[in-house]
Amino acid sequence: PQAIYTATGGAPGLGMVAWLITGLVCIAAAMTFAEVAIMI
């Protein structure tokens, strides 16, 4: 949280949204990664 709110200039909004956006990115990344991990 310290790095997050430093980047936002002490504003909370985009920091909270970033947890959700990055989670969705990780879902897409993990589902993609799993195909090659299982195949090899």
PDB file of all heavy atoms in Angstrom:
ATOM      1  N   PRO A   1       0.809  -1.239   0.000  1.00  0.00           N
ATOM      2  CA  PRO A   1       0.000   0.000   0.000  1.00  0.00           C
ATOM      3  C   PRO A   1       0.832   1.274   0.000  1.00  0.00           C
ATOM      4  O   PRO A   1       0.431   2.278  -0.596  1.00  0.00           O
ATOM      5  CB  PRO A   1      -0.832  -0.135   1.279  1.00  0.00           C
ATOM      6  CG  PRO A   1      -1.009  -1.603   1.445  1.00  0.00           C
ATOM      7  CD  PRO A   1       0.302  -2.199   1.008  1.00  0.00           C
ATOM      8  N   GLN A   2       1.988   1.254   0.642  1.00  0.00           N
ATOM      9  CA  GLN A   2       2.832   2.454   0.673  1.00  0.00           C
ATOM     10  C   GLN A   2       3.256   2.860  -0.743  1.00  0.00           C
ATOM     11  O   GLN A   2       3.143   4.020  -1.136  1.00  0.00           O
ATOM     12  CB  GLN A   2       4.069   2.195   1.542  1.00  0.00           C
ATOM     13  CG  GLN A   2       4.907   3.439   1.782  1.00  0.00           C
ATOM     14  CD  GLN A   2       6.167   3.501   0.925  1.00  0.00           C
ATOM     15  OE1 GLN A   2       6.521   2.526   0.267  1.00  0.00           O
ATOM     16  NE2 GLN A   2       6.824   4.640   0.924  1.00  0.00           N
ATOM     17  N   ALA A   3       3.731   1.892  -1.538  1.00  0.00           N
ATOM     18  CA  ALA A   3       4.145   2.185  -2.911  1.00  0.00           C
ATOM     19  C   ALA A   3       2.957   2.606  -3.762  1.00  0.00           C
ATOM     20  O   ALA A   3       3.066   3.500  -4.623  1.00  0.00           O
ATOM     21  CB  ALA A   3       4.822   0.958  -3.525  1.00  0.00           C
ATOM     22  N   ILE A   4       1.810   1.972  -3.528  1.00  0.00           N
ATOM     23  CA  ILE A   4       0.611   2.262  -4.315  1.00  0.00           C
ATOM     24  C   ILE A   4       0.152   3.700  -4.090  1.00  0.00           C
ATOM     25  O   ILE A   4      -0.095   4.455  -5.043  1.00  0.00           O
ATOM     26  CB  ILE A   4      -0.504   1.255  -3.965  1.00  0.00           C
ATOM     27  CG1 ILE A   4      -0.155  -0.111  -4.568  1.00  0.00           C
ATOM     28  CG2 ILE A   4      -1.863   1.734  -4.470  1.00  0.00           C
ATOM     29  CD1 ILE A   4      -1.028  -1.240  -4.097  1.00  0.00           C
ATOM     30  N   TYR A   5       0.053   4.108  -2.825  1.00  0.00           N
ATOM     31  CA  TYR A   5      -0.459   5.449  -2.546  1.00  0.00           C
ATOM     32  C   TYR A   5       0.590   6.531  -2.765  1.00  0.00           C
ATOM     33  O   TYR A   5       0.242   7.699  -2.949  1.00  0.00           O
ATOM     34  CB  TYR A   5      -1.053   5.492  -1.140  1.00  0.00           C
ATOM     35  CG  TYR A   5      -2.251   4.569  -1.005  1.00  0.00           C
ATOM     36  CD1 TYR A   5      -2.321   3.610  -0.005  1.00  0.00           C
ATOM     37  CD2 TYR A   5      -3.299   4.639  -1.929  1.00  0.00           C
ATOM     38  CE1 TYR A   5      -3.399   2.749   0.094  1.00  0.00           C
ATOM     39  CE2 TYR A   5      -4.373   3.784  -1.853  1.00  0.00           C
ATOM     40  CZ  TYR A   5      -4.429   2.827  -0.836  1.00  0.00           C
ATOM     41  OH  TYR A   5      -5.495   1.983  -0.758  1.00  0.00           O
ATOM     42  N   THR A   6       1.851   6.153  -2.803  1.00  0.00           N
ATOM     43  CA  THR A   6       2.884   7.100  -3.229  1.00  0.00           C
ATOM     44  C   THR A   6       2.714   7.405  -4.715  1.00  0.00           C
ATOM     45  O   THR A   6       2.791   8.563  -5.147  1.00  0.00           O
ATOM     46  CB  THR A   6       4.289   6.531  -2.968  1.00  0.00           C
ATOM     47  OG1 THR A   6       4.478   6.361  -1.565  1.00  0.00           O
ATOM     48  CG2 THR A   6       5.365   7.468  -3.493  1.00  0.00           C
ATOM     49  N   ALA A   7       2.473   6.346  -5.509  1.00  0.00           N
ATOM     50  CA  ALA A   7       2.293   6.514  -6.955  1.00  0.00           C
ATOM     51  C   ALA A   7       1.048   7.345  -7.282  1.00  0.00           C
ATOM     52  O   ALA A   7       1.053   8.114  -8.250  1.00  0.00           O
ATOM     53  CB  ALA A   7       2.204   5.155  -7.637  1.00  0.00           C
ATOM     54  N   THR A   8      -0.015   7.200  -6.474  1.00  0.00           N
ATOM     55  CA  THR A   8      -1.258   7.940  -6.744  1.00  0.00           C
ATOM     56  C   THR A   8      -1.247   9.340  -6.138  1.00  0.00           C
ATOM     57  O   THR A   8      -2.241  10.062  -6.242  1.00  0.00           O
ATOM     58  CB  THR A   8      -2.481   7.184  -6.195  1.00  0.00           C
ATOM     59  OG1 THR A   8      -2.372   7.091  -4.762  1.00  0.00           O
ATOM     60  CG2 THR A   8      -2.602   5.805  -6.806  1.00  0.00           C
ATOM     61  N   GLY A   9      -0.143   9.720  -5.490  1.00  0.00           N
ATOM     62  CA  GLY A   9      -0.077  11.029  -4.857  1.00  0.00           C
ATOM     63  C   GLY A   9      -0.935  11.132  -3.614  1.00  0.00           C
ATOM     64  O   GLY A   9      -1.405  12.214  -3.252  1.00  0.00           O
ATOM     65  N   GLY A  10      -1.158   9.993  -2.956  1.00  0.00           N
ATOM     66  CA  GLY A  10      -1.960   9.985  -1.734  1.00  0.00           C
ATOM     67  C   GLY A  10      -3.448   9.849  -1.960  1.00  0.00           C
ATOM     68  O   GLY A  10      -4.239   9.895  -1.015  1.00  0.00           O
ATOM     69  N   ALA A  11      -3.851   9.661  -3.222  1.00  0.00           N
ATOM     70  CA  ALA A  11      -5.274   9.468  -3.542  1.00  0.00           C
ATOM     71  C   ALA A  11      -5.597   7.980  -3.517  1.00  0.00           C
ATOM     72  O   ALA A  11      -4.821   7.162  -4.015  1.00  0.00           O
ATOM     73  CB  ALA A  11      -5.586  10.049  -4.912  1.00  0.00           C
ATOM     74  N   PRO A  12      -6.749   7.581  -2.948  1.00  0.00           N
ATOM     75  CA  PRO A  12      -7.040   6.149  -2.800  1.00  0.00           C
ATOM     76  C   PRO A  12      -7.674   5.471  -4.012  1.00  0.00           C
ATOM     77  O   PRO A  12      -7.519   4.269  -4.208  1.00  0.00           O
ATOM     78  CB  PRO A  12      -8.027   6.134  -1.626  1.00  0.00           C
ATOM     79  CG  PRO A  12      -8.748   7.438  -1.741  1.00  0.00           C
ATOM     80  CD  PRO A  12      -7.735   8.429  -2.273  1.00  0.00           C
ATOM     81  N   GLY A  13      -8.416   6.228  -4.851  1.00  0.00           N
ATOM     82  CA  GLY A  13      -9.293   5.623  -5.853  1.00  0.00           C
ATOM     83  C   GLY A  13      -8.631   4.680  -6.829  1.00  0.00           C
ATOM     84  O   GLY A  13      -8.996   3.498  -6.912  1.00  0.00           O
ATOM     85  N   LEU A  14      -7.645   5.163  -7.593  1.00  0.00           N
ATOM     86  CA  LEU A  14      -7.023   4.321  -8.614  1.00  0.00           C
ATOM     87  C   LEU A  14      -6.240   3.177  -7.973  1.00  0.00           C
ATOM     88  O   LEU A  14      -6.118   2.101  -8.569  1.00  0.00           O
ATOM     89  CB  LEU A  14      -6.102   5.159  -9.507  1.00  0.00           C
ATOM     90  CG  LEU A  14      -5.615   4.483 -10.793  1.00  0.00           C
ATOM     91  CD1 LEU A  14      -6.791   4.070 -11.673  1.00  0.00           C
ATOM     92  CD2 LEU A  14      -4.674   5.394 -11.569  1.00  0.00           C
ATOM     93  N   GLY A  15      -5.746   3.392  -6.763  1.00  0.00           N
ATOM     94  CA  GLY A  15      -5.053   2.320  -6.048  1.00  0.00           C
ATOM     95  C   GLY A  15      -5.979   1.144  -5.785  1.00  0.00           C
ATOM     96  O   GLY A  15      -5.602  -0.018  -5.983  1.00  0.00           O
ATOM     97  N   MET A  16      -7.207   1.428  -5.352  1.00  0.00           N
ATOM     98  CA  MET A  16      -8.178   0.350  -5.097  1.00  0.00           C
ATOM     99  C   MET A  16      -8.589  -0.330  -6.398  1.00  0.00           C
ATOM    100  O   MET A  16      -8.702  -1.553  -6.461  1.00  0.00           O
ATOM    101  CB  MET A  16      -9.406   0.920  -4.383  1.00  0.00           C
ATOM    102  CG  MET A  16      -9.145   1.393  -2.959  1.00  0.00           C
ATOM    103  SD  MET A  16      -8.619   0.048  -1.858  1.00  0.00           S
ATOM    104  CE  MET A  16     -10.136  -0.908  -1.754  1.00  0.00           C
ATOM    105  N   VAL A  17      -8.784   0.461  -7.448  1.00  0.00           N
ATOM    106  CA  VAL A  17      -9.166  -0.099  -8.753  1.00  0.00           C
ATOM    107  C   VAL A  17      -8.057  -1.000  -9.292  1.00  0.00           C
ATOM    108  O   VAL A  17      -8.324  -2.032  -9.920  1.00  0.00           O
ATOM    109  CB  VAL A  17      -9.492   1.035  -9.740  1.00  0.00           C
ATOM    110  CG1 VAL A  17      -9.678   0.488 -11.164  1.00  0.00           C
ATOM    111  CG2 VAL A  17     -10.740   1.785  -9.301  1.00  0.00           C
ATOM    112  N   ALA A  18      -6.802  -0.624  -9.024  1.00  0.00           N
ATOM    113  CA  ALA A  18      -5.658  -1.391  -9.542  1.00  0.00           C
ATOM    114  C   ALA A  18      -5.640  -2.819  -9.009  1.00  0.00           C
ATOM    115  O   ALA A  18      -5.209  -3.737  -9.710  1.00  0.00           O
ATOM    116  CB  ALA A  18      -4.348  -0.694  -9.181  1.00  0.00           C
ATOM    117  N   TRP A  19      -6.103  -3.030  -7.770  1.00  0.00           N
ATOM    118  CA  TRP A  19      -6.164  -4.396  -7.238  1.00  0.00           C
ATOM    119  C   TRP A  19      -7.111  -5.266  -8.069  1.00  0.00           C
ATOM    120  O   TRP A  19      -6.836  -6.450  -8.308  1.00  0.00           O
ATOM    121  CB  TRP A  19      -6.620  -4.381  -5.783  1.00  0.00           C
ATOM    122  CG  TRP A  19      -5.593  -3.852  -4.829  1.00  0.00           C
ATOM    123  CD1 TRP A  19      -5.539  -2.601  -4.284  1.00  0.00           C
ATOM    124  CD2 TRP A  19      -4.448  -4.561  -4.318  1.00  0.00           C
ATOM    125  NE1 TRP A  19      -4.431  -2.482  -3.476  1.00  0.00           N
ATOM    126  CE2 TRP A  19      -3.746  -3.658  -3.470  1.00  0.00           C
ATOM    127  CE3 TRP A  19      -3.948  -5.838  -4.484  1.00  0.00           C
ATOM    128  CZ2 TRP A  19      -2.579  -4.017  -2.797  1.00  0.00           C
ATOM    129  CZ3 TRP A  19      -2.787  -6.202  -3.825  1.00  0.00           C
ATOM    130  CH2 TRP A  19      -2.112  -5.293  -2.991  1.00  0.00           C
ATOM    131  N   LEU A  20      -8.205  -4.679  -8.544  1.00  0.00           N
ATOM    132  CA  LEU A  20      -9.176  -5.438  -9.347  1.00  0.00           C
ATOM    133  C   LEU A  20      -8.672  -5.646 -10.772  1.00  0.00           C
ATOM    134  O   LEU A  20      -8.737  -6.757 -11.311  1.00  0.00           O
ATOM    135  CB  LEU A  20     -10.519  -4.695  -9.369  1.00  0.00           C
ATOM    136  CG  LEU A  20     -11.183  -4.463  -8.014  1.00  0.00           C
ATOM    137  CD1 LEU A  20     -12.473  -3.667  -8.187  1.00  0.00           C
ATOM    138  CD2 LEU A  20     -11.470  -5.789  -7.322  1.00  0.00           C
ATOM    139  N   ILE A  21      -8.147  -4.591 -11.389  1.00  0.00           N
ATOM    140  CA  ILE A  21      -7.654  -4.704 -12.766  1.00  0.00           C
ATOM    141  C   ILE A  21      -6.519  -5.718 -12.854  1.00  0.00           C
ATOM    142  O   ILE A  21      -6.498  -6.583 -13.736  1.00  0.00           O
ATOM    143  CB  ILE A  21      -7.170  -3.327 -13.275  1.00  0.00           C
ATOM    144  CG1 ILE A  21      -8.357  -2.383 -13.460  1.00  0.00           C
ATOM    145  CG2 ILE A  21      -6.412  -3.479 -14.601  1.00  0.00           C
ATOM    146  CD1 ILE A  21      -7.963  -0.964 -13.826  1.00  0.00           C
ATOM    147  N   THR A  22      -5.583  -5.635 -11.920  1.00  0.00           N
ATOM    148  CA  THR A  22      -4.432  -6.543 -11.952  1.00  0.00           C
ATOM    149  C   THR A  22      -4.862  -7.973 -11.672  1.00  0.00           C
ATOM    150  O   THR A  22      -4.292  -8.916 -12.239  1.00  0.00           O
ATOM    151  CB  THR A  22      -3.365  -6.092 -10.938  1.00  0.00           C
ATOM    152  OG1 THR A  22      -3.090  -4.707 -11.146  1.00  0.00           O
ATOM    153  CG2 THR A  22      -2.077  -6.887 -11.113  1.00  0.00           C
ATOM    154  N   GLY A  23      -5.861  -8.150 -10.830  1.00  0.00           N
ATOM    155  CA  GLY A  23      -6.388  -9.494 -10.594  1.00  0.00           C
ATOM    156  C   GLY A  23      -6.955 -10.102 -11.862  1.00  0.00           C
ATOM    157  O   GLY A  23      -6.727 -11.287 -12.163  1.00  0.00           O
ATOM    158  N   LEU A  24      -7.687  -9.306 -12.647  1.00  0.00           N
ATOM    159  CA  LEU A  24      -8.233  -9.795 -13.919  1.00  0.00           C
ATOM    160  C   LEU A  24      -7.121 -10.141 -14.901  1.00  0.00           C
ATOM    161  O   LEU A  24      -7.205 -11.142 -15.633  1.00  0.00           O
ATOM    162  CB  LEU A  24      -9.171  -8.736 -14.514  1.00  0.00           C
ATOM    163  CG  LEU A  24     -10.454  -8.442 -13.722  1.00  0.00           C
ATOM    164  CD1 LEU A  24     -11.198  -7.260 -14.315  1.00  0.00           C
ATOM    165  CD2 LEU A  24     -11.360  -9.681 -13.676  1.00  0.00           C
ATOM    166  N   VAL A  25      -6.071  -9.322 -14.908  1.00  0.00           N
ATOM    167  CA  VAL A  25      -4.910  -9.612 -15.767  1.00  0.00           C
ATOM    168  C   VAL A  25      -4.283 -10.939 -15.365  1.00  0.00           C
ATOM    169  O   VAL A  25      -3.924 -11.766 -16.220  1.00  0.00           O
ATOM    170  CB  VAL A  25      -3.872  -8.472 -15.666  1.00  0.00           C
ATOM    171  CG1 VAL A  25      -2.544  -8.890 -16.301  1.00  0.00           C
ATOM    172  CG2 VAL A  25      -4.403  -7.215 -16.339  1.00  0.00           C
ATOM    173  N   CYS A  26      -4.165 -11.179 -14.066  1.00  0.00           N
ATOM    174  CA  CYS A  26      -3.557 -12.425 -13.590  1.00  0.00           C
ATOM    175  C   CYS A  26      -4.417 -13.645 -13.911  1.00  0.00           C
ATOM    176  O   CYS A  26      -3.888 -14.736 -14.137  1.00  0.00           O
ATOM    177  CB  CYS A  26      -3.293 -12.348 -12.079  1.00  0.00           C
ATOM    178  SG  CYS A  26      -1.905 -11.269 -11.658  1.00  0.00           S
ATOM    179  N   ILE A  27      -5.730 -13.478 -13.932  1.00  0.00           N
ATOM    180  CA  ILE A  27      -6.607 -14.575 -14.340  1.00  0.00           C
ATOM    181  C   ILE A  27      -6.324 -14.945 -15.801  1.00  0.00           C
ATOM    182  O   ILE A  27      -6.139 -16.124 -16.141  1.00  0.00           O
ATOM    183  CB  ILE A  27      -8.090 -14.199 -14.155  1.00  0.00           C
ATOM    184  CG1 ILE A  27      -8.443 -14.158 -12.663  1.00  0.00           C
ATOM    185  CG2 ILE A  27      -8.995 -15.207 -14.879  1.00  0.00           C
ATOM    186  CD1 ILE A  27      -9.850 -13.661 -12.383  1.00  0.00           C
ATOM    187  N   ALA A  28      -6.284 -13.930 -16.674  1.00  0.00           N
ATOM    188  CA  ALA A  28      -5.987 -14.189 -18.095  1.00  0.00           C
ATOM    189  C   ALA A  28      -4.591 -14.784 -18.248  1.00  0.00           C
ATOM    190  O   ALA A  28      -4.394 -15.723 -19.032  1.00  0.00           O
ATOM    191  CB  ALA A  28      -6.099 -12.887 -18.889  1.00  0.00           C
ATOM    192  N   ALA A  29      -3.628 -14.264 -17.494  1.00  0.00           N
ATOM    193  CA  ALA A  29      -2.250 -14.756 -17.580  1.00  0.00           C
ATOM    194  C   ALA A  29      -2.153 -16.200 -17.111  1.00  0.00           C
ATOM    195  O   ALA A  29      -1.509 -17.038 -17.758  1.00  0.00           O
ATOM    196  CB  ALA A  29      -1.338 -13.864 -16.738  1.00  0.00           C
ATOM    197  N   ALA A  30      -2.784 -16.515 -15.988  1.00  0.00           N
ATOM    198  CA  ALA A  30      -2.698 -17.868 -15.425  1.00  0.00           C
ATOM    199  C   ALA A  30      -3.390 -18.891 -16.316  1.00  0.00           C
ATOM    200  O   ALA A  30      -2.889 -20.003 -16.511  1.00  0.00           O
ATOM    201  CB  ALA A  30      -3.306 -17.890 -14.018  1.00  0.00           C
ATOM    202  N   MET A  31      -4.548 -18.526 -16.890  1.00  0.00           N
ATOM    203  CA  MET A  31      -5.248 -19.455 -17.774  1.00  0.00           C
ATOM    204  C   MET A  31      -4.441 -19.707 -19.045  1.00  0.00           C
ATOM    205  O   MET A  31      -4.446 -20.819 -19.579  1.00  0.00           O
ATOM    206  CB  MET A  31      -6.642 -18.916 -18.114  1.00  0.00           C
ATOM    207  CG  MET A  31      -7.619 -18.984 -16.947  1.00  0.00           C
ATOM    208  SD  MET A  31      -9.359 -18.819 -17.440  1.00  0.00           S
ATOM    209  CE  MET A  31      -9.366 -17.187 -18.134  1.00  0.00           C
ATOM    210  N   THR A  32      -3.730 -18.680 -19.520  1.00  0.00           N
ATOM    211  CA  THR A  32      -2.885 -18.837 -20.703  1.00  0.00           C
ATOM    212  C   THR A  32      -1.668 -19.690 -20.373  1.00  0.00           C
ATOM    213  O   THR A  32      -1.324 -20.631 -21.100  1.00  0.00           O
ATOM    214  CB  THR A  32      -2.444 -17.459 -21.223  1.00  0.00           C
ATOM    215  OG1 THR A  32      -3.589 -16.663 -21.497  1.00  0.00           O
ATOM    216  CG2 THR A  32      -1.602 -17.596 -22.481  1.00  0.00           C
ATOM    217  N   PHE A  33      -1.001 -19.363 -19.282  1.00  0.00           N
ATOM    218  CA  PHE A  33       0.207 -20.053 -18.849  1.00  0.00           C
ATOM    219  C   PHE A  33      -0.062 -21.538 -18.625  1.00  0.00           C
ATOM    220  O   PHE A  33       0.788 -22.392 -18.925  1.00  0.00           O
ATOM    221  CB  PHE A  33       0.682 -19.407 -17.542  1.00  0.00           C
ATOM    222  CG  PHE A  33       2.126 -19.659 -17.194  1.00  0.00           C
ATOM    223  CD1 PHE A  33       3.116 -18.781 -17.604  1.00  0.00           C
ATOM    224  CD2 PHE A  33       2.498 -20.761 -16.440  1.00  0.00           C
ATOM    225  CE1 PHE A  33       4.445 -18.991 -17.260  1.00  0.00           C
ATOM    226  CE2 PHE A  33       3.816 -20.990 -16.101  1.00  0.00           C
ATOM    227  CZ  PHE A  33       4.797 -20.095 -16.510  1.00  0.00           C
ATOM    228  N   ALA A  34      -1.251 -21.850 -18.109  1.00  0.00           N
ATOM    229  CA  ALA A  34      -1.577 -23.236 -17.769  1.00  0.00           C
ATOM    230  C   ALA A  34      -1.574 -24.152 -18.985  1.00  0.00           C
ATOM    231  O   ALA A  34      -1.216 -25.330 -18.885  1.00  0.00           O
ATOM    232  CB  ALA A  34      -2.933 -23.295 -17.069  1.00  0.00           C
ATOM    233  N   GLU A  35      -1.943 -23.631 -20.169  1.00  0.00           N
ATOM    234  CA  GLU A  35      -1.984 -24.489 -21.353  1.00  0.00           C
ATOM    235  C   GLU A  35      -0.610 -25.056 -21.680  1.00  0.00           C
ATOM    236  O   GLU A  35      -0.448 -26.268 -21.889  1.00  0.00           O
ATOM    237  CB  GLU A  35      -2.528 -23.736 -22.562  1.00  0.00           C
ATOM    238  CG  GLU A  35      -2.490 -24.602 -23.844  1.00  0.00           C
ATOM    239  CD  GLU A  35      -3.212 -23.975 -25.015  1.00  0.00           C
ATOM    240  OE1 GLU A  35      -4.345 -23.485 -24.814  1.00  0.00           O
ATOM    241  OE2 GLU A  35      -2.654 -23.987 -26.137  1.00  0.00           O
ATOM    242  N   VAL A  36       0.397 -24.194 -21.706  1.00  0.00           N
ATOM    243  CA  VAL A  36       1.735 -24.663 -22.051  1.00  0.00           C
ATOM    244  C   VAL A  36       2.343 -25.450 -20.893  1.00  0.00           C
ATOM    245  O   VAL A  36       3.124 -26.385 -21.093  1.00  0.00           O
ATOM    246  CB  VAL A  36       2.627 -23.474 -22.488  1.00  0.00           C
ATOM    247  CG1 VAL A  36       2.983 -22.577 -21.331  1.00  0.00           C
ATOM    248  CG2 VAL A  36       3.860 -23.940 -23.214  1.00  0.00           C
ATOM    249  N   ALA A  37       1.969 -25.109 -19.660  1.00  0.00           N
ATOM    250  CA  ALA A  37       2.507 -25.828 -18.502  1.00  0.00           C
ATOM    251  C   ALA A  37       2.021 -27.274 -18.476  1.00  0.00           C
ATOM    252  O   ALA A  37       2.783 -28.194 -18.138  1.00  0.00           O
ATOM    253  CB  ALA A  37       2.094 -25.117 -17.208  1.00  0.00           C
ATOM    254  N   ILE A  38       0.769 -27.482 -18.853  1.00  0.00           N
ATOM    255  CA  ILE A  38       0.205 -28.839 -18.852  1.00  0.00           C
ATOM    256  C   ILE A  38       0.690 -29.614 -20.074  1.00  0.00           C
ATOM    257  O   ILE A  38       0.959 -30.822 -20.009  1.00  0.00           O
ATOM    258  CB  ILE A  38      -1.329 -28.774 -18.834  1.00  0.00           C
ATOM    259  CG1 ILE A  38      -1.797 -28.139 -17.514  1.00  0.00           C
ATOM    260  CG2 ILE A  38      -1.951 -30.161 -18.984  1.00  0.00           C
ATOM    261  CD1 ILE A  38      -3.239 -27.731 -17.521  1.00  0.00           C
ATOM    262  N   MET A  39       0.844 -28.928 -21.195  1.00  0.00           N
ATOM    263  CA  MET A  39       1.267 -29.585 -22.425  1.00  0.00           C
ATOM    264  C   MET A  39       2.729 -30.024 -22.357  1.00  0.00           C
ATOM    265  O   MET A  39       3.126 -31.019 -22.959  1.00  0.00           O
ATOM    266  CB  MET A  39       1.059 -28.641 -23.609  1.00  0.00           C
ATOM    267  CG  MET A  39       1.258 -29.291 -24.972  1.00  0.00           C
ATOM    268  SD  MET A  39       0.909 -28.161 -26.331  1.00  0.00           S
ATOM    269  CE  MET A  39       2.366 -27.120 -26.294  1.00  0.00           C
ATOM    270  N   ILE A  40       3.558 -29.260 -21.602  1.00  0.00           N
ATOM    271  CA  ILE A  40       4.988 -29.563 -21.505  1.00  0.00           C
ATOM    272  C   ILE A  40       5.340 -29.774 -20.032  1.00  0.00           C
ATOM    273  O   ILE A  40       5.927 -28.891 -19.386  1.00  0.00           O
ATOM    274  CB  ILE A  40       5.845 -28.420 -22.096  1.00  0.00           C
ATOM    275  CG1 ILE A  40       5.355 -28.050 -23.498  1.00  0.00           C
ATOM    276  CG2 ILE A  40       7.318 -28.798 -22.136  1.00  0.00           C
ATOM    277  CD1 ILE A  40       6.001 -26.809 -24.078  1.00  0.00           C
TER     278      ILE A  40
END
